[in-house]
Amino acid sequence: HKWHRTMGMAALYADPFEHLVVNTAPPLAAALLLRAHPWIVAAWAFIASANTVIAHTKDGQHIDHHFHRNKNFGVGWMLCDRFHGTLLE
């Protein structure tokens, strides 16, 4: 979130703390808890990374998140944003 203007591949950038605590620990904990097969974990990581890049390559609702940091966290149907009241129309 250093930049307001978004760019696909730059979306994967994270400082070490954010990468470990936010991006890696929760999905790894879920995979271990559910005893997910390594191929499932790899497929999930690929899909999640691709979704992040795609969400930052086109104009859309998530782009507003880079100007309003507490709004529009998601992409697509924005279901969680609608549920939690963080959707910026």
PDB file of N, CA and C in Angstrom:
ATOM      1  N   HIS A   1       0.803  -1.196   0.000  1.00  0.00           N
ATOM      2  CA  HIS A   1       0.000   0.000   0.000  1.00  0.00           C
ATOM      3  C   HIS A   1       0.847   1.262   0.000  1.00  0.00           C
ATOM      4  N   LYS A   2       2.075   1.148  -0.486  1.00  0.00           N
ATOM      5  CA  LYS A   2       2.911   2.328  -0.586  1.00  0.00           C
ATOM      6  C   LYS A   2       2.447   3.253  -1.703  1.00  0.00           C
ATOM      7  N   TRP A   3       1.826   2.695  -2.724  1.00  0.00           N
ATOM      8  CA  TRP A   3       1.462   3.478  -3.889  1.00  0.00           C
ATOM      9  C   TRP A   3      -0.050   3.509  -4.070  1.00  0.00           C
ATOM     10  N   HIS A   4      -0.559   4.667  -4.527  1.00  0.00           N
ATOM     11  CA  HIS A   4      -1.987   4.773  -4.850  1.00  0.00           C
ATOM     12  C   HIS A   4      -2.255   4.136  -6.202  1.00  0.00           C
ATOM     13  N   ARG A   5      -1.360   4.336  -7.142  1.00  0.00           N
ATOM     14  CA  ARG A   5      -1.534   3.748  -8.461  1.00  0.00           C
ATOM     15  C   ARG A   5      -1.137   2.278  -8.379  1.00  0.00           C
ATOM     16  N   THR A   6      -1.960   1.420  -8.887  1.00  0.00           N
ATOM     17  CA  THR A   6      -1.693  -0.010  -8.748  1.00  0.00           C
ATOM     18  C   THR A   6      -1.108  -0.587 -10.026  1.00  0.00           C
ATOM     19  N   MET A   7      -0.386  -1.679  -9.856  1.00  0.00           N
ATOM     20  CA  MET A   7       0.247  -2.374 -10.955  1.00  0.00           C
ATOM     21  C   MET A   7       0.261  -3.852 -10.570  1.00  0.00           C
ATOM     22  N   GLY A   8      -0.134  -4.711 -11.491  1.00  0.00           N
ATOM     23  CA  GLY A   8      -0.329  -6.124 -11.201  1.00  0.00           C
ATOM     24  C   GLY A   8       0.753  -6.803 -10.383  1.00  0.00           C
ATOM     25  N   MET A   9       1.939  -6.901 -10.920  1.00  0.00           N
ATOM     26  CA  MET A   9       2.996  -7.644 -10.228  1.00  0.00           C
ATOM     27  C   MET A   9       3.438  -6.967  -8.945  1.00  0.00           C
ATOM     28  N   ALA A  10       3.319  -5.647  -8.865  1.00  0.00           N
ATOM     29  CA  ALA A  10       3.690  -4.945  -7.634  1.00  0.00           C
ATOM     30  C   ALA A  10       2.742  -5.297  -6.496  1.00  0.00           C
ATOM     31  N   ALA A  11       1.569  -5.834  -6.817  1.00  0.00           N
ATOM     32  CA  ALA A  11       0.592  -6.194  -5.788  1.00  0.00           C
ATOM     33  C   ALA A  11       1.110  -7.312  -4.895  1.00  0.00           C
ATOM     34  N   LEU A  12       2.048  -8.090  -5.372  1.00  0.00           N
ATOM     35  CA  LEU A  12       2.588  -9.189  -4.573  1.00  0.00           C
ATOM     36  C   LEU A  12       3.649  -8.714  -3.577  1.00  0.00           C
ATOM     37  N   TYR A  13       4.060  -7.447  -3.679  1.00  0.00           N
ATOM     38  CA  TYR A  13       5.046  -6.900  -2.748  1.00  0.00           C
ATOM     39  C   TYR A  13       4.452  -6.812  -1.350  1.00  0.00           C
ATOM     40  N   ALA A  14       5.239  -7.181  -0.365  1.00  0.00           N
ATOM     41  CA  ALA A  14       4.862  -7.018   1.038  1.00  0.00           C
ATOM     42  C   ALA A  14       6.140  -6.926   1.851  1.00  0.00           C
ATOM     43  N   ASP A  15       6.113  -6.142   2.915  1.00  0.00           N
ATOM     44  CA  ASP A  15       7.293  -6.120   3.777  1.00  0.00           C
ATOM     45  C   ASP A  15       7.360  -7.461   4.510  1.00  0.00           C
ATOM     46  N   PRO A  16       8.511  -7.801   5.082  1.00  0.00           N
ATOM     47  CA  PRO A  16       8.667  -9.132   5.703  1.00  0.00           C
ATOM     48  C   PRO A  16       7.622  -9.448   6.768  1.00  0.00           C
ATOM     49  N   PHE A  17       7.279  -8.485   7.617  1.00  0.00           N
ATOM     50  CA  PHE A  17       6.280  -8.729   8.655  1.00  0.00           C
ATOM     51  C   PHE A  17       4.930  -9.058   8.031  1.00  0.00           C
ATOM     52  N   GLU A  18       4.481  -8.230   7.087  1.00  0.00           N
ATOM     53  CA  GLU A  18       3.189  -8.469   6.443  1.00  0.00           C
ATOM     54  C   GLU A  18       3.189  -9.807   5.708  1.00  0.00           C
ATOM     55  N   HIS A  19       4.288 -10.121   5.039  1.00  0.00           N
ATOM     56  CA  HIS A  19       4.340 -11.379   4.300  1.00  0.00           C
ATOM     57  C   HIS A  19       4.215 -12.581   5.233  1.00  0.00           C
ATOM     58  N   LEU A  20       4.942 -12.551   6.343  1.00  0.00           N
ATOM     59  CA  LEU A  20       4.911 -13.701   7.253  1.00  0.00           C
ATOM     60  C   LEU A  20       3.630 -13.772   8.082  1.00  0.00           C
ATOM     61  N   VAL A  21       3.229 -12.651   8.665  1.00  0.00           N
ATOM     62  CA  VAL A  21       2.104 -12.657   9.601  1.00  0.00           C
ATOM     63  C   VAL A  21       0.750 -12.646   8.896  1.00  0.00           C
ATOM     64  N   VAL A  22       0.641 -11.904   7.803  1.00  0.00           N
ATOM     65  CA  VAL A  22      -0.652 -11.755   7.139  1.00  0.00           C
ATOM     66  C   VAL A  22      -0.823 -12.710   5.959  1.00  0.00           C
ATOM     67  N   ASN A  23       0.219 -12.839   5.138  1.00  0.00           N
ATOM     68  CA  ASN A  23       0.083 -13.609   3.895  1.00  0.00           C
ATOM     69  C   ASN A  23       0.425 -15.090   4.031  1.00  0.00           C
ATOM     70  N   THR A  24       1.313 -15.438   4.940  1.00  0.00           N
ATOM     71  CA  THR A  24       1.785 -16.825   5.015  1.00  0.00           C
ATOM     72  C   THR A  24       1.203 -17.602   6.194  1.00  0.00           C
ATOM     73  N   ALA A  25       1.246 -17.044   7.388  1.00  0.00           N
ATOM     74  CA  ALA A  25       0.839 -17.786   8.589  1.00  0.00           C
ATOM     75  C   ALA A  25      -0.613 -18.266   8.557  1.00  0.00           C
ATOM     76  N   PRO A  26      -1.604 -17.417   8.239  1.00  0.00           N
ATOM     77  CA  PRO A  26      -2.995 -17.915   8.270  1.00  0.00           C
ATOM     78  C   PRO A  26      -3.279 -19.064   7.296  1.00  0.00           C
ATOM     79  N   PRO A  27      -2.884 -18.947   6.009  1.00  0.00           N
ATOM     80  CA  PRO A  27      -3.167 -20.090   5.126  1.00  0.00           C
ATOM     81  C   PRO A  27      -2.352 -21.335   5.483  1.00  0.00           C
ATOM     82  N   LEU A  28      -1.130 -21.141   5.959  1.00  0.00           N
ATOM     83  CA  LEU A  28      -0.332 -22.294   6.368  1.00  0.00           C
ATOM     84  C   LEU A  28      -0.951 -22.977   7.580  1.00  0.00           C
ATOM     85  N   ALA A  29      -1.415 -22.205   8.542  1.00  0.00           N
ATOM     86  CA  ALA A  29      -2.074 -22.775   9.725  1.00  0.00           C
ATOM     87  C   ALA A  29      -3.329 -23.545   9.313  1.00  0.00           C
ATOM     88  N   ALA A  30      -4.117 -22.964   8.393  1.00  0.00           N
ATOM     89  CA  ALA A  30      -5.330 -23.652   7.918  1.00  0.00           C
ATOM     90  C   ALA A  30      -4.969 -24.946   7.197  1.00  0.00           C
ATOM     91  N   ALA A  31      -3.935 -24.906   6.375  1.00  0.00           N
ATOM     92  CA  ALA A  31      -3.521 -26.108   5.642  1.00  0.00           C
ATOM     93  C   ALA A  31      -3.063 -27.204   6.599  1.00  0.00           C
ATOM     94  N   LEU A  32      -2.315 -26.824   7.624  1.00  0.00           N
ATOM     95  CA  LEU A  32      -1.862 -27.813   8.608  1.00  0.00           C
ATOM     96  C   LEU A  32      -3.027 -28.351   9.427  1.00  0.00           C
ATOM     97  N   LEU A  33      -3.925 -27.470   9.850  1.00  0.00           N
ATOM     98  CA  LEU A  33      -5.086 -27.870  10.639  1.00  0.00           C
ATOM     99  C   LEU A  33      -5.981 -28.833   9.859  1.00  0.00           C
ATOM    100  N   LEU A  34      -6.162 -28.554   8.582  1.00  0.00           N
ATOM    101  CA  LEU A  34      -7.027 -29.391   7.740  1.00  0.00           C
ATOM    102  C   LEU A  34      -6.285 -30.551   7.076  1.00  0.00           C
ATOM    103  N   ARG A  35      -4.985 -30.619   7.323  1.00  0.00           N
ATOM    104  CA  ARG A  35      -4.141 -31.669   6.730  1.00  0.00           C
ATOM    105  C   ARG A  35      -4.286 -31.707   5.210  1.00  0.00           C
ATOM    106  N   ALA A  36      -4.210 -30.523   4.618  1.00  0.00           N
ATOM    107  CA  ALA A  36      -4.361 -30.402   3.170  1.00  0.00           C
ATOM    108  C   ALA A  36      -3.161 -31.016   2.453  1.00  0.00           C
ATOM    109  N   HIS A  37      -3.426 -31.617   1.329  1.00  0.00           N
ATOM    110  CA  HIS A  37      -2.376 -32.187   0.495  1.00  0.00           C
ATOM    111  C   HIS A  37      -1.520 -31.044  -0.054  1.00  0.00           C
ATOM    112  N   PRO A  38      -0.203 -31.248  -0.161  1.00  0.00           N
ATOM    113  CA  PRO A  38       0.672 -30.183  -0.668  1.00  0.00           C
ATOM    114  C   PRO A  38       0.255 -29.629  -2.037  1.00  0.00           C
ATOM    115  N   TRP A  39      -0.312 -30.463  -2.903  1.00  0.00           N
ATOM    116  CA  TRP A  39      -0.761 -29.971  -4.207  1.00  0.00           C
ATOM    117  C   TRP A  39      -1.945 -29.020  -4.062  1.00  0.00           C
ATOM    118  N   ILE A  40      -2.799 -29.276  -3.094  1.00  0.00           N
ATOM    119  CA  ILE A  40      -3.929 -28.380  -2.831  1.00  0.00           C
ATOM    120  C   ILE A  40      -3.412 -27.041  -2.311  1.00  0.00           C
ATOM    121  N   VAL A  41      -2.442 -27.083  -1.411  1.00  0.00           N
ATOM    122  CA  VAL A  41      -1.848 -25.861  -0.876  1.00  0.00           C
ATOM    123  C   VAL A  41      -1.180 -25.067  -2.002  1.00  0.00           C
ATOM    124  N   ALA A  42      -0.449 -25.754  -2.877  1.00  0.00           N
ATOM    125  CA  ALA A  42       0.208 -25.090  -4.000  1.00  0.00           C
ATOM    126  C   ALA A  42      -0.812 -24.473  -4.955  1.00  0.00           C
ATOM    127  N   ALA A  43      -1.890 -25.198  -5.244  1.00  0.00           N
ATOM    128  CA  ALA A  43      -2.936 -24.677  -6.131  1.00  0.00           C
ATOM    129  C   ALA A  43      -3.593 -23.458  -5.503  1.00  0.00           C
ATOM    130  N   TRP A  44      -3.870 -23.510  -4.208  1.00  0.00           N
ATOM    131  CA  TRP A  44      -4.477 -22.371  -3.529  1.00  0.00           C
ATOM    132  C   TRP A  44      -3.551 -21.163  -3.587  1.00  0.00           C
ATOM    133  N   ALA A  45      -2.249 -21.367  -3.350  1.00  0.00           N
ATOM    134  CA  ALA A  45      -1.283 -20.262  -3.392  1.00  0.00           C
ATOM    135  C   ALA A  45      -1.232 -19.640  -4.786  1.00  0.00           C
ATOM    136  N   PHE A  46      -1.271 -20.483  -5.816  1.00  0.00           N
ATOM    137  CA  PHE A  46      -1.257 -19.982  -7.191  1.00  0.00           C
ATOM    138  C   PHE A  46      -2.510 -19.163  -7.483  1.00  0.00           C
ATOM    139  N   ILE A  47      -3.665 -19.693  -7.132  1.00  0.00           N
ATOM    140  CA  ILE A  47      -4.928 -18.997  -7.398  1.00  0.00           C
ATOM    141  C   ILE A  47      -5.005 -17.690  -6.611  1.00  0.00           C
ATOM    142  N   ALA A  48      -4.601 -17.711  -5.352  1.00  0.00           N
ATOM    143  CA  ALA A  48      -4.626 -16.496  -4.535  1.00  0.00           C
ATOM    144  C   ALA A  48      -3.688 -15.432  -5.096  1.00  0.00           C
ATOM    145  N   SER A  49      -2.496 -15.841  -5.523  1.00  0.00           N
ATOM    146  CA  SER A  49      -1.544 -14.890  -6.101  1.00  0.00           C
ATOM    147  C   SER A  49      -2.058 -14.325  -7.416  1.00  0.00           C
ATOM    148  N   ALA A  50      -2.605 -15.188  -8.272  1.00  0.00           N
ATOM    149  CA  ALA A  50      -3.158 -14.723  -9.548  1.00  0.00           C
ATOM    150  C   ALA A  50      -4.309 -13.756  -9.313  1.00  0.00           C
ATOM    151  N   ASN A  51      -5.162 -14.058  -8.351  1.00  0.00           N
ATOM    152  CA  ASN A  51      -6.286 -13.171  -8.037  1.00  0.00           C
ATOM    153  C   ASN A  51      -5.789 -11.805  -7.567  1.00  0.00           C
ATOM    154  N   THR A  52      -4.737 -11.788  -6.770  1.00  0.00           N
ATOM    155  CA  THR A  52      -4.170 -10.527  -6.286  1.00  0.00           C
ATOM    156  C   THR A  52      -3.634  -9.692  -7.439  1.00  0.00           C
ATOM    157  N   VAL A  53      -2.915 -10.342  -8.344  1.00  0.00           N
ATOM    158  CA  VAL A  53      -2.367  -9.625  -9.497  1.00  0.00           C
ATOM    159  C   VAL A  53      -3.489  -9.086 -10.379  1.00  0.00           C
ATOM    160  N   ILE A  54      -4.481  -9.909 -10.671  1.00  0.00           N
ATOM    161  CA  ILE A  54      -5.601  -9.494 -11.525  1.00  0.00           C
ATOM    162  C   ILE A  54      -6.372  -8.339 -10.888  1.00  0.00           C
ATOM    163  N   ALA A  55      -6.592  -8.402  -9.587  1.00  0.00           N
ATOM    164  CA  ALA A  55      -7.347  -7.350  -8.896  1.00  0.00           C
ATOM    165  C   ALA A  55      -6.644  -6.002  -8.966  1.00  0.00           C
ATOM    166  N   HIS A  56      -5.334  -6.023  -9.165  1.00  0.00           N
ATOM    167  CA  HIS A  56      -4.573  -4.779  -9.197  1.00  0.00           C
ATOM    168  C   HIS A  56      -4.188  -4.350 -10.611  1.00  0.00           C
ATOM    169  N   THR A  57      -4.678  -5.037 -11.634  1.00  0.00           N
ATOM    170  CA  THR A  57      -4.308  -4.680 -13.001  1.00  0.00           C
ATOM    171  C   THR A  57      -5.386  -3.917 -13.727  1.00  0.00           C
ATOM    172  N   LYS A  58      -6.575  -3.908 -13.213  1.00  0.00           N
ATOM    173  CA  LYS A  58      -7.661  -3.234 -13.910  1.00  0.00           C
ATOM    174  C   LYS A  58      -8.378  -2.289 -12.956  1.00  0.00           C
ATOM    175  N   ASP A  59      -9.071  -1.329 -13.544  1.00  0.00           N
ATOM    176  CA  ASP A  59      -9.866  -0.453 -12.703  1.00  0.00           C
ATOM    177  C   ASP A  59     -11.005  -1.264 -12.108  1.00  0.00           C
ATOM    178  N   GLY A  60     -11.292  -1.038 -10.872  1.00  0.00           N
ATOM    179  CA  GLY A  60     -12.364  -1.772 -10.220  1.00  0.00           C
ATOM    180  C   GLY A  60     -12.537  -1.302  -8.801  1.00  0.00           C
ATOM    181  N   GLN A  61     -13.394  -1.976  -8.087  1.00  0.00           N
ATOM    182  CA  GLN A  61     -13.712  -1.560  -6.728  1.00  0.00           C
ATOM    183  C   GLN A  61     -12.513  -1.638  -5.793  1.00  0.00           C
ATOM    184  N   HIS A  62     -11.648  -2.638  -5.990  1.00  0.00           N
ATOM    185  CA  HIS A  62     -10.516  -2.763  -5.072  1.00  0.00           C
ATOM    186  C   HIS A  62      -9.529  -1.603  -5.234  1.00  0.00           C
ATOM    187  N   ILE A  63      -9.447  -1.019  -6.412  1.00  0.00           N
ATOM    188  CA  ILE A  63      -8.536   0.103  -6.632  1.00  0.00           C
ATOM    189  C   ILE A  63      -8.877   1.243  -5.664  1.00  0.00           C
ATOM    190  N   ASP A  64     -10.169   1.416  -5.363  1.00  0.00           N
ATOM    191  CA  ASP A  64     -10.572   2.442  -4.398  1.00  0.00           C
ATOM    192  C   ASP A  64      -9.934   2.222  -3.031  1.00  0.00           C
ATOM    193  N   HIS A  65      -9.587   0.978  -2.712  1.00  0.00           N
ATOM    194  CA  HIS A  65      -8.960   0.654  -1.430  1.00  0.00           C
ATOM    195  C   HIS A  65      -7.622   1.381  -1.273  1.00  0.00           C
ATOM    196  N   HIS A  66      -6.952   1.645  -2.362  1.00  0.00           N
ATOM    197  CA  HIS A  66      -5.650   2.297  -2.288  1.00  0.00           C
ATOM    198  C   HIS A  66      -5.769   3.794  -2.042  1.00  0.00           C
ATOM    199  N   PHE A  67      -6.963   4.329  -2.141  1.00  0.00           N
ATOM    200  CA  PHE A  67      -7.210   5.724  -1.804  1.00  0.00           C
ATOM    201  C   PHE A  67      -7.974   5.853  -0.485  1.00  0.00           C
ATOM    202  N   HIS A  68      -8.784   4.871  -0.162  1.00  0.00           N
ATOM    203  CA  HIS A  68      -9.568   4.817   1.074  1.00  0.00           C
ATOM    204  C   HIS A  68      -9.177   3.519   1.782  1.00  0.00           C
ATOM    205  N   ARG A  69      -8.156   3.564   2.601  1.00  0.00           N
ATOM    206  CA  ARG A  69      -7.524   2.354   3.159  1.00  0.00           C
ATOM    207  C   ARG A  69      -8.453   1.469   3.979  1.00  0.00           C
ATOM    208  N   ASN A  70      -9.555   1.997   4.460  1.00  0.00           N
ATOM    209  CA  ASN A  70     -10.453   1.197   5.293  1.00  0.00           C
ATOM    210  C   ASN A  70     -11.714   0.782   4.536  1.00  0.00           C
ATOM    211  N   LYS A  71     -11.671   0.804   3.212  1.00  0.00           N
ATOM    212  CA  LYS A  71     -12.810   0.428   2.368  1.00  0.00           C
ATOM    213  C   LYS A  71     -12.346  -0.504   1.253  1.00  0.00           C
ATOM    214  N   ASN A  72     -13.276  -1.287   0.719  1.00  0.00           N
ATOM    215  CA  ASN A  72     -13.063  -2.119  -0.474  1.00  0.00           C
ATOM    216  C   ASN A  72     -11.807  -2.985  -0.408  1.00  0.00           C
ATOM    217  N   PHE A  73     -11.762  -3.845   0.569  1.00  0.00           N
ATOM    218  CA  PHE A  73     -10.637  -4.759   0.722  1.00  0.00           C
ATOM    219  C   PHE A  73     -10.669  -5.876  -0.315  1.00  0.00           C
ATOM    220  N   GLY A  74     -11.863  -6.280  -0.732  1.00  0.00           N
ATOM    221  CA  GLY A  74     -12.006  -7.449  -1.598  1.00  0.00           C
ATOM    222  C   GLY A  74     -12.046  -7.139  -3.076  1.00  0.00           C
ATOM    223  N   VAL A  75     -12.422  -8.152  -3.838  1.00  0.00           N
ATOM    224  CA  VAL A  75     -12.599  -8.052  -5.289  1.00  0.00           C
ATOM    225  C   VAL A  75     -13.858  -8.827  -5.660  1.00  0.00           C
ATOM    226  N   GLY A  76     -14.306  -8.648  -6.890  1.00  0.00           N
ATOM    227  CA  GLY A  76     -15.454  -9.415  -7.367  1.00  0.00           C
ATOM    228  C   GLY A  76     -16.749  -8.940  -6.753  1.00  0.00           C
ATOM    229  N   TRP A  77     -17.471  -9.830  -6.121  1.00  0.00           N
ATOM    230  CA  TRP A  77     -18.772  -9.501  -5.551  1.00  0.00           C
ATOM    231  C   TRP A  77     -18.681  -8.692  -4.267  1.00  0.00           C
ATOM    232  N   MET A  78     -17.489  -8.590  -3.705  1.00  0.00           N
ATOM    233  CA  MET A  78     -17.255  -7.780  -2.506  1.00  0.00           C
ATOM    234  C   MET A  78     -18.142  -8.229  -1.340  1.00  0.00           C
ATOM    235  N   LEU A  79     -18.350  -9.530  -1.206  1.00  0.00           N
ATOM    236  CA  LEU A  79     -19.262 -10.056  -0.191  1.00  0.00           C
ATOM    237  C   LEU A  79     -18.830  -9.697   1.230  1.00  0.00           C
ATOM    238  N   CYS A  80     -17.555  -9.873   1.542  1.00  0.00           N
ATOM    239  CA  CYS A  80     -17.097  -9.560   2.900  1.00  0.00           C
ATOM    240  C   CYS A  80     -17.199  -8.066   3.177  1.00  0.00           C
ATOM    241  N   ASP A  81     -16.908  -7.237   2.174  1.00  0.00           N
ATOM    242  CA  ASP A  81     -17.048  -5.792   2.363  1.00  0.00           C
ATOM    243  C   ASP A  81     -18.503  -5.420   2.603  1.00  0.00           C
ATOM    244  N   ARG A  82     -19.417  -6.059   1.889  1.00  0.00           N
ATOM    245  CA  ARG A  82     -20.830  -5.777   2.104  1.00  0.00           C
ATOM    246  C   ARG A  82     -21.248  -6.197   3.522  1.00  0.00           C
ATOM    247  N   PHE A  83     -20.796  -7.361   3.951  1.00  0.00           N
ATOM    248  CA  PHE A  83     -21.146  -7.900   5.262  1.00  0.00           C
ATOM    249  C   PHE A  83     -20.602  -7.038   6.399  1.00  0.00           C
ATOM    250  N   HIS A  84     -19.364  -6.567   6.250  1.00  0.00           N
ATOM    251  CA  HIS A  84     -18.706  -5.813   7.324  1.00  0.00           C
ATOM    252  C   HIS A  84     -18.888  -4.309   7.218  1.00  0.00           C
ATOM    253  N   GLY A  85     -19.616  -3.850   6.199  1.00  0.00           N
ATOM    254  CA  GLY A  85     -19.879  -2.414   6.065  1.00  0.00           C
ATOM    255  C   GLY A  85     -18.693  -1.610   5.582  1.00  0.00           C
ATOM    256  N   THR A  86     -17.765  -2.255   4.865  1.00  0.00           N
ATOM    257  CA  THR A  86     -16.595  -1.540   4.358  1.00  0.00           C
ATOM    258  C   THR A  86     -16.671  -1.299   2.849  1.00  0.00           C
ATOM    259  N   LEU A  87     -17.826  -1.532   2.252  1.00  0.00           N
ATOM    260  CA  LEU A  87     -17.970  -1.331   0.812  1.00  0.00           C
ATOM    261  C   LEU A  87     -18.174   0.142   0.505  1.00  0.00           C
ATOM    262  N   LEU A  88     -17.341   0.678  -0.372  1.00  0.00           N
ATOM    263  CA  LEU A  88     -17.475   2.041  -0.854  1.00  0.00           C
ATOM    264  C   LEU A  88     -18.150   1.965  -2.211  1.00  0.00           C
ATOM    265  N   GLU A  89     -19.374   2.435  -2.303  1.00  0.00           N
ATOM    266  CA  GLU A  89     -20.139   2.345  -3.553  1.00  0.00           C
ATOM    267  C   GLU A  89     -19.594   3.304  -4.586  1.00  0.00           C
TER     268      GLU A  89
END
